[in-house]
Amino acid sequence: MFKLKVMLLAGMLAAFGTISAVGTMSAVAADYPTRPVTLVVAFTPGGPSDILARIVGKKMEQLLGQPFIIENRPGAGGNIAADAVARATPDGYTLLMGNNSILATNASLYKKISYDAQKDFAPISLIGLQANILVVNPAVQAKSLKELIALAKANPGKFNFASSGHGAAAHLAGELFKSEAKVDIVHVAYKGAAPALQDVIAGHVQMMFATAASVVGYIENGQLRPLAVTTLKRTAVTPDVPTVDEAGLPGFEATTWHGLVAPAKTPKEIITALHRATIATLNDPETRKSLQKLGVDLVGDTPEEFAAYINAEIPKWTAIVKASGAAFD
């Protein structure tokens, strides 16, 4: 009888503790945020991810009434920042501006990685997509994607495509193109997008998949010829350029995307508050204009939809990474 009473008392105390913890967490979530929020960016200040995060953070701090502090933690393709956020207290005060590298490709690119993109984060919303544009040097005798594919098939191994480095979005987009179009073109890796683009413009390399914002000026002055964009819908930056899907490779998509995530186990109420603020931010006319200038096609989906998007991107790019042979220690 004594043992039964002890067990009942222990159960009551445990239940009380659980109820108290839930009540406290709910109270915290209801008041959120009460202090500054840190938004971690995995790349250096001044880059596309950093600029995007600052635009989004500025509006969100107005909506939520607390400062959004941008913390740049570059290194290891975003893995350093991702690991720091994955291990942070799940209270909504440390967030990550994730992207396709961190949340989809790094797990297969790096031999050692200390976080799990699917288990260690709570998705909030996909912010938007930055289309890559397949551009060629004007000397290339192809005015359309179909003509380029035919030209490449007639000259296996004789055409090159540039990228900002092994495993970069531009490299993997090229590998996906090789696989889908069944062409033999040679990858040439550079230490950054700028020198890669300059060699395409100079004609040393025939083509490149580059972010829309980085090549629009060169397209306008005739230094590069656009053949197709890699989003499933045409991008607002170059509305007259067809998608790869339209141009002959159905379902082709290879974008640079950005999305907001929190550490796993962040209370649902806080995720909801952050999601609402994100959607309001993306619906703000001034914010939309600023992001669209960066070549971002805005999305703003639900946490569940963003999670499904991440889950679909991982196996897709894992196969491409393995086929490319790209790997980092």
Protein backbone atom coordinates (compact mmCIF):
# COMPACT_ATOMS: atom_id res chain seq x y z
CA MET A 1 0.00 0.00 0.00
CA PHE A 2 2.83 2.39 0.94
CA LYS A 3 4.56 1.65 -2.38
CA LEU A 4 1.31 2.33 -4.26
CA LYS A 5 0.85 5.69 -2.45
CA VAL A 6 4.43 6.68 -3.31
CA MET A 7 3.85 5.78 -6.95
CA LEU A 8 0.59 7.75 -7.04
CA LEU A 9 2.26 10.75 -5.39
CA ALA A 10 5.17 10.58 -7.84
CA GLY A 11 2.74 10.43 -10.74
CA MET A 12 0.81 13.42 -9.42
CA LEU A 13 4.01 15.42 -8.99
CA ALA A 14 5.21 14.46 -12.46
CA ALA A 15 1.88 15.44 -13.95
CA PHE A 16 1.92 18.73 -12.03
CA GLY A 17 5.45 19.38 -13.26
CA THR A 18 4.44 18.70 -16.85
CA ILE A 19 1.38 20.94 -16.57
CA SER A 20 3.48 23.68 -14.98
CA ALA A 21 6.10 23.41 -17.72
CA VAL A 22 3.45 23.55 -20.43
CA GLY A 23 1.76 26.48 -18.74
CA THR A 24 5.03 28.35 -18.38
CA MET A 25 5.98 27.66 -22.01
CA SER A 26 2.56 28.80 -23.19
CA ALA A 27 2.92 32.01 -21.20
CA VAL A 28 6.35 32.60 -22.68
CA ALA A 29 5.03 31.96 -26.18
CA ALA A 30 2.10 34.34 -25.61
CA ASP A 31 4.44 37.18 -24.62
CA TYR A 32 6.99 36.50 -27.39
CA PRO A 33 9.19 38.35 -28.11
CA THR A 34 10.23 40.25 -25.00
CA ARG A 35 13.88 40.82 -25.97
CA PRO A 36 16.08 41.07 -29.08
CA VAL A 37 16.05 38.19 -31.58
CA THR A 38 19.29 37.02 -33.17
CA LEU A 39 19.06 36.15 -36.86
CA VAL A 40 22.13 34.13 -37.84
CA VAL A 41 23.46 34.46 -41.39
CA ALA A 42 25.90 31.83 -42.61
CA PHE A 43 27.79 34.15 -44.94
CA THR A 44 29.83 37.35 -44.82
CA PRO A 45 28.31 40.84 -44.57
CA GLY A 46 27.36 42.40 -47.89
CA GLY A 47 26.55 39.16 -49.71
CA PRO A 48 23.10 38.24 -51.09
CA SER A 49 22.09 36.20 -48.02
CA ASP A 50 23.20 38.96 -45.66
CA ILE A 51 21.38 41.71 -47.57
CA LEU A 52 18.23 39.59 -47.76
CA ALA A 53 18.35 38.85 -44.02
CA ARG A 54 18.77 42.54 -43.17
CA ILE A 55 15.80 43.53 -45.33
CA VAL A 56 13.59 40.85 -43.77
CA GLY A 57 14.88 41.47 -40.24
CA LYS A 58 14.26 45.23 -40.44
CA LYS A 59 10.58 44.74 -41.18
CA MET A 60 10.10 41.89 -38.72
CA GLU A 61 11.48 43.95 -35.85
CA GLN A 62 8.93 46.64 -36.68
CA LEU A 63 6.13 44.09 -36.66
CA LEU A 64 7.23 42.22 -33.51
CA GLY A 65 8.46 45.21 -31.55
CA GLN A 66 11.94 43.88 -30.75
CA PRO A 67 15.32 44.33 -32.50
CA PHE A 68 16.43 41.65 -34.96
CA ILE A 69 20.20 41.44 -34.62
CA ILE A 70 22.04 40.04 -37.64
CA GLU A 71 24.91 37.76 -36.62
CA ASN A 72 27.24 36.70 -39.44
CA ARG A 73 28.88 33.32 -38.85
CA PRO A 74 30.53 32.35 -42.15
CA GLY A 75 32.51 29.18 -42.82
CA ALA A 76 32.24 25.59 -44.03
CA GLY A 77 29.53 26.37 -46.57
CA GLY A 78 27.13 27.45 -43.85
CA ASN A 79 27.69 24.51 -41.52
CA ILE A 80 29.18 26.61 -38.70
CA ALA A 81 26.11 28.85 -38.51
CA ALA A 82 23.71 25.94 -38.89
CA ASP A 83 25.34 23.99 -36.08
CA ALA A 84 25.21 27.01 -33.76
CA VAL A 85 21.47 27.50 -34.36
CA ALA A 86 20.70 23.78 -34.14
CA ARG A 87 22.26 23.75 -30.67
CA ALA A 88 20.69 27.03 -29.50
CA THR A 89 17.93 27.15 -26.90
CA PRO A 90 14.62 26.55 -28.74
CA ASP A 91 12.91 29.69 -27.45
CA GLY A 92 12.56 31.73 -30.64
CA TYR A 93 15.42 34.10 -29.86
CA THR A 94 17.94 32.47 -32.21
CA LEU A 95 16.92 31.96 -35.83
CA LEU A 96 18.73 30.98 -39.02
CA MET A 97 18.38 32.38 -42.50
CA GLY A 98 18.81 29.02 -44.18
CA ASN A 99 19.34 28.30 -47.85
CA ASN A 100 19.60 25.41 -50.28
CA SER A 101 23.22 24.67 -49.30
CA ILE A 102 22.60 24.45 -45.56
CA LEU A 103 19.25 22.70 -45.69
CA ALA A 104 19.56 20.49 -48.77
CA THR A 105 23.01 19.88 -50.27
CA ASN A 106 25.60 20.07 -47.48
CA ALA A 107 24.63 16.73 -45.95
CA SER A 108 25.85 14.96 -49.09
CA LEU A 109 28.67 17.39 -49.94
CA TYR A 110 30.47 17.20 -46.59
CA LYS A 111 31.86 13.96 -45.16
CA LYS A 112 31.36 15.26 -41.62
CA ILE A 113 28.39 17.38 -40.64
CA SER A 114 27.15 18.01 -37.11
CA TYR A 115 23.49 18.77 -37.72
CA ASP A 116 20.51 17.16 -39.44
CA ALA A 117 18.59 19.56 -41.65
CA GLN A 118 15.37 17.59 -41.25
CA LYS A 119 15.53 16.89 -37.50
CA ASP A 120 17.37 19.84 -35.95
CA PHE A 121 15.29 22.73 -37.29
CA ALA A 122 11.70 23.91 -37.17
CA PRO A 123 10.81 25.46 -40.55
CA ILE A 124 9.04 28.83 -40.44
CA SER A 125 8.67 29.85 -44.07
CA LEU A 126 10.37 29.72 -47.45
CA ILE A 127 11.20 33.38 -48.13
CA GLY A 128 11.85 33.16 -51.84
CA LEU A 129 13.74 31.79 -54.80
CA GLN A 130 16.59 33.37 -56.72
CA ALA A 131 16.54 32.09 -60.25
CA ASN A 132 19.72 31.02 -61.92
CA ILE A 133 19.96 31.95 -65.58
CA LEU A 134 21.80 29.81 -68.09
CA VAL A 135 23.91 32.36 -69.96
CA VAL A 136 26.31 31.78 -72.84
CA ASN A 137 28.99 33.84 -74.50
CA PRO A 138 27.46 35.52 -77.61
CA ALA A 139 29.95 33.65 -79.79
CA VAL A 140 28.24 30.35 -78.99
CA GLN A 141 26.14 29.33 -81.99
CA ALA A 142 22.96 28.67 -80.00
CA LYS A 143 20.03 31.05 -79.65
CA SER A 144 17.88 28.66 -77.59
CA LEU A 145 18.26 25.88 -75.05
CA LYS A 146 17.31 23.25 -77.65
CA GLU A 147 20.01 24.55 -79.98
CA LEU A 148 22.59 24.46 -77.17
CA ILE A 149 21.69 20.87 -76.29
CA ALA A 150 21.95 19.84 -79.95
CA LEU A 151 25.30 21.62 -80.24
CA ALA A 152 26.64 19.95 -77.10
CA LYS A 153 25.50 16.50 -78.24
CA ALA A 154 27.24 17.01 -81.57
CA ASN A 155 30.46 18.03 -79.78
CA PRO A 156 30.78 15.86 -76.62
CA GLY A 157 33.35 17.10 -74.14
CA LYS A 158 34.15 20.25 -76.12
CA PHE A 159 31.95 22.72 -74.22
CA ASN A 160 32.70 24.00 -70.70
CA PHE A 161 30.52 25.49 -68.00
CA ALA A 162 31.86 27.72 -65.23
CA SER A 163 30.84 27.86 -61.58
CA SER A 164 31.82 29.69 -58.40
CA GLY A 165 33.32 26.47 -56.99
CA HIS A 166 32.90 22.74 -56.50
CA GLY A 167 29.57 22.02 -54.85
CA ALA A 168 28.25 25.55 -55.37
CA ALA A 169 24.70 26.07 -56.62
CA ALA A 170 26.00 26.99 -60.09
CA HIS A 171 28.03 23.78 -60.24
CA LEU A 172 25.15 21.56 -59.18
CA ALA A 173 22.76 23.30 -61.58
CA GLY A 174 25.20 22.43 -64.36
CA GLU A 175 25.41 18.83 -63.21
CA LEU A 176 21.62 18.58 -63.15
CA PHE A 177 21.53 20.02 -66.66
CA LYS A 178 24.09 17.46 -67.85
CA SER A 179 22.01 14.67 -66.36
CA GLU A 180 18.62 15.85 -67.65
CA ALA A 181 19.81 16.90 -71.12
CA LYS A 182 22.16 13.91 -71.43
CA VAL A 183 25.07 16.05 -72.62
CA ASP A 184 28.81 15.83 -71.98
CA ILE A 185 30.01 19.30 -70.92
CA VAL A 186 33.03 19.96 -68.70
CA HIS A 187 32.87 21.75 -65.35
CA VAL A 188 35.41 24.52 -64.70
CA ALA A 189 35.47 25.65 -61.06
CA TYR A 190 36.50 29.16 -59.99
CA LYS A 191 37.06 30.80 -56.63
CA GLY A 192 33.92 32.86 -56.75
CA ALA A 193 31.18 33.90 -59.15
CA ALA A 194 32.86 37.11 -60.35
CA PRO A 195 35.95 35.51 -61.97
CA ALA A 196 33.77 32.75 -63.42
CA LEU A 197 31.47 35.28 -65.07
CA GLN A 198 34.40 37.28 -66.41
CA ASP A 199 35.77 34.21 -68.17
CA VAL A 200 32.37 33.47 -69.73
CA ILE A 201 32.19 37.07 -70.94
CA ALA A 202 35.75 36.78 -72.30
CA GLY A 203 34.86 33.56 -74.10
CA HIS A 204 37.32 31.34 -72.22
CA VAL A 205 34.34 29.29 -71.00
CA GLN A 206 31.16 28.96 -73.04
CA MET A 207 28.40 29.02 -70.41
CA MET A 208 27.37 29.33 -66.79
CA PHE A 209 24.35 29.07 -64.50
CA ALA A 210 24.43 32.37 -62.59
CA THR A 211 22.05 34.19 -60.26
CA ALA A 212 19.73 36.55 -62.08
CA ALA A 213 20.85 39.61 -60.14
CA SER A 214 24.50 39.00 -61.04
CA VAL A 215 23.99 38.79 -64.82
CA VAL A 216 21.11 41.13 -65.71
CA GLY A 217 23.48 44.01 -66.45
CA TYR A 218 25.65 41.86 -68.73
CA ILE A 219 22.55 40.59 -70.54
CA GLU A 220 21.28 44.12 -71.10
CA ASN A 221 24.56 45.33 -72.62
CA GLY A 222 24.91 42.26 -74.83
CA GLN A 223 27.93 40.69 -73.14
CA LEU A 224 25.97 37.55 -72.29
CA ARG A 225 23.06 35.78 -73.98
CA PRO A 226 20.37 34.29 -71.73
CA LEU A 227 18.88 30.98 -72.83
CA ALA A 228 16.70 29.89 -69.91
CA VAL A 229 15.94 30.42 -66.23
CA THR A 230 15.98 27.58 -63.72
CA THR A 231 12.77 28.32 -61.82
CA LEU A 232 9.54 26.54 -62.76
CA LYS A 233 7.96 29.94 -63.40
CA ARG A 234 9.56 32.82 -65.26
CA THR A 235 11.33 35.29 -63.01
CA ALA A 236 10.23 38.91 -62.71
CA VAL A 237 13.81 40.06 -63.35
CA THR A 238 13.89 38.63 -66.89
CA PRO A 239 10.24 37.95 -67.80
CA ASP A 240 11.01 37.37 -71.50
CA VAL A 241 13.46 34.53 -70.85
CA PRO A 242 11.79 31.08 -70.88
CA THR A 243 12.25 28.54 -68.12
CA VAL A 244 14.33 25.41 -68.70
CA ASP A 245 11.07 23.54 -68.22
CA GLU A 246 9.41 25.50 -71.05
CA ALA A 247 12.50 25.21 -73.23
CA GLY A 248 12.52 21.43 -73.32
CA LEU A 249 13.51 19.82 -69.99
CA PRO A 250 10.22 19.23 -68.11
CA GLY A 251 10.34 19.70 -64.34
CA PHE A 252 13.84 21.17 -64.31
CA GLU A 253 14.40 23.40 -61.28
CA ALA A 254 17.71 24.56 -59.79
CA THR A 255 17.35 27.67 -57.69
CA THR A 256 19.11 29.44 -54.88
CA TRP A 257 16.48 29.63 -52.17
CA HIS A 258 16.27 31.22 -48.74
CA GLY A 259 14.09 30.29 -45.79
CA LEU A 260 13.70 31.04 -42.12
CA VAL A 261 14.12 28.25 -39.55
CA ALA A 262 14.36 27.96 -35.77
CA PRO A 263 15.89 25.25 -33.59
CA ALA A 264 13.83 22.07 -33.35
CA LYS A 265 11.40 21.94 -30.41
CA THR A 266 10.72 25.67 -30.57
CA PRO A 267 7.13 26.01 -29.24
CA LYS A 268 4.47 25.93 -31.92
CA GLU A 269 3.01 29.22 -30.69
CA ILE A 270 6.33 30.95 -31.33
CA ILE A 271 6.68 29.39 -34.78
CA THR A 272 3.17 30.63 -35.54
CA ALA A 273 4.03 34.15 -34.39
CA LEU A 274 7.19 34.17 -36.50
CA HIS A 275 5.36 32.76 -39.50
CA ARG A 276 2.68 35.45 -39.32
CA ALA A 277 5.35 38.15 -39.07
CA THR A 278 7.24 36.65 -42.03
CA ILE A 279 4.14 36.62 -44.25
CA ALA A 280 3.31 40.20 -43.23
CA THR A 281 6.90 41.17 -44.05
CA LEU A 282 6.72 39.61 -47.51
CA ASN A 283 3.41 41.37 -48.16
CA ASP A 284 4.88 44.76 -47.28
CA PRO A 285 5.25 46.75 -50.55
CA GLU A 286 8.59 48.34 -49.65
CA THR A 287 10.07 45.01 -48.54
CA ARG A 288 8.80 43.26 -51.66
CA LYS A 289 10.38 45.93 -53.86
CA SER A 290 13.74 45.64 -52.06
CA LEU A 291 13.81 41.84 -52.30
CA GLN A 292 12.75 41.82 -55.94
CA LYS A 293 15.67 44.13 -56.74
CA LEU A 294 17.89 41.28 -55.50
CA GLY A 295 16.24 38.99 -58.04
CA VAL A 296 14.18 37.18 -55.40
CA ASP A 297 10.83 35.72 -56.42
CA LEU A 298 8.90 35.77 -53.15
CA VAL A 299 7.13 32.67 -51.80
CA GLY A 300 5.96 32.88 -48.18
CA ASP A 301 4.55 29.40 -47.52
CA THR A 302 3.49 27.59 -44.34
CA PRO A 303 5.90 25.78 -41.98
CA GLU A 304 4.48 22.47 -43.18
CA GLU A 305 4.93 23.40 -46.84
CA PHE A 306 8.48 24.57 -46.23
CA ALA A 307 9.28 21.31 -44.43
CA ALA A 308 7.93 19.34 -47.39
CA TYR A 309 10.01 21.45 -49.77
CA ILE A 310 13.20 20.74 -47.80
CA ASN A 311 12.36 17.03 -47.67
CA ALA A 312 11.97 16.95 -51.46
CA GLU A 313 15.16 18.93 -52.16
CA ILE A 314 17.50 16.68 -50.12
CA PRO A 315 17.21 13.43 -52.13
CA LYS A 316 17.14 15.35 -55.41
CA TRP A 317 20.47 17.06 -54.77
CA THR A 318 22.02 14.08 -53.00
CA ALA A 319 21.78 12.17 -56.28
CA ILE A 320 23.30 15.07 -58.23
CA VAL A 321 26.14 15.54 -55.73
CA LYS A 322 27.02 11.85 -55.86
CA ALA A 323 26.98 11.86 -59.66
CA SER A 324 29.23 14.94 -59.75
CA GLY A 325 31.79 13.46 -57.36
CA ALA A 326 31.97 16.72 -55.40
CA ALA A 327 32.91 16.22 -51.74
CA PHE A 328 34.48 18.14 -48.85
CA ASP A 329 36.10 16.94 -45.65
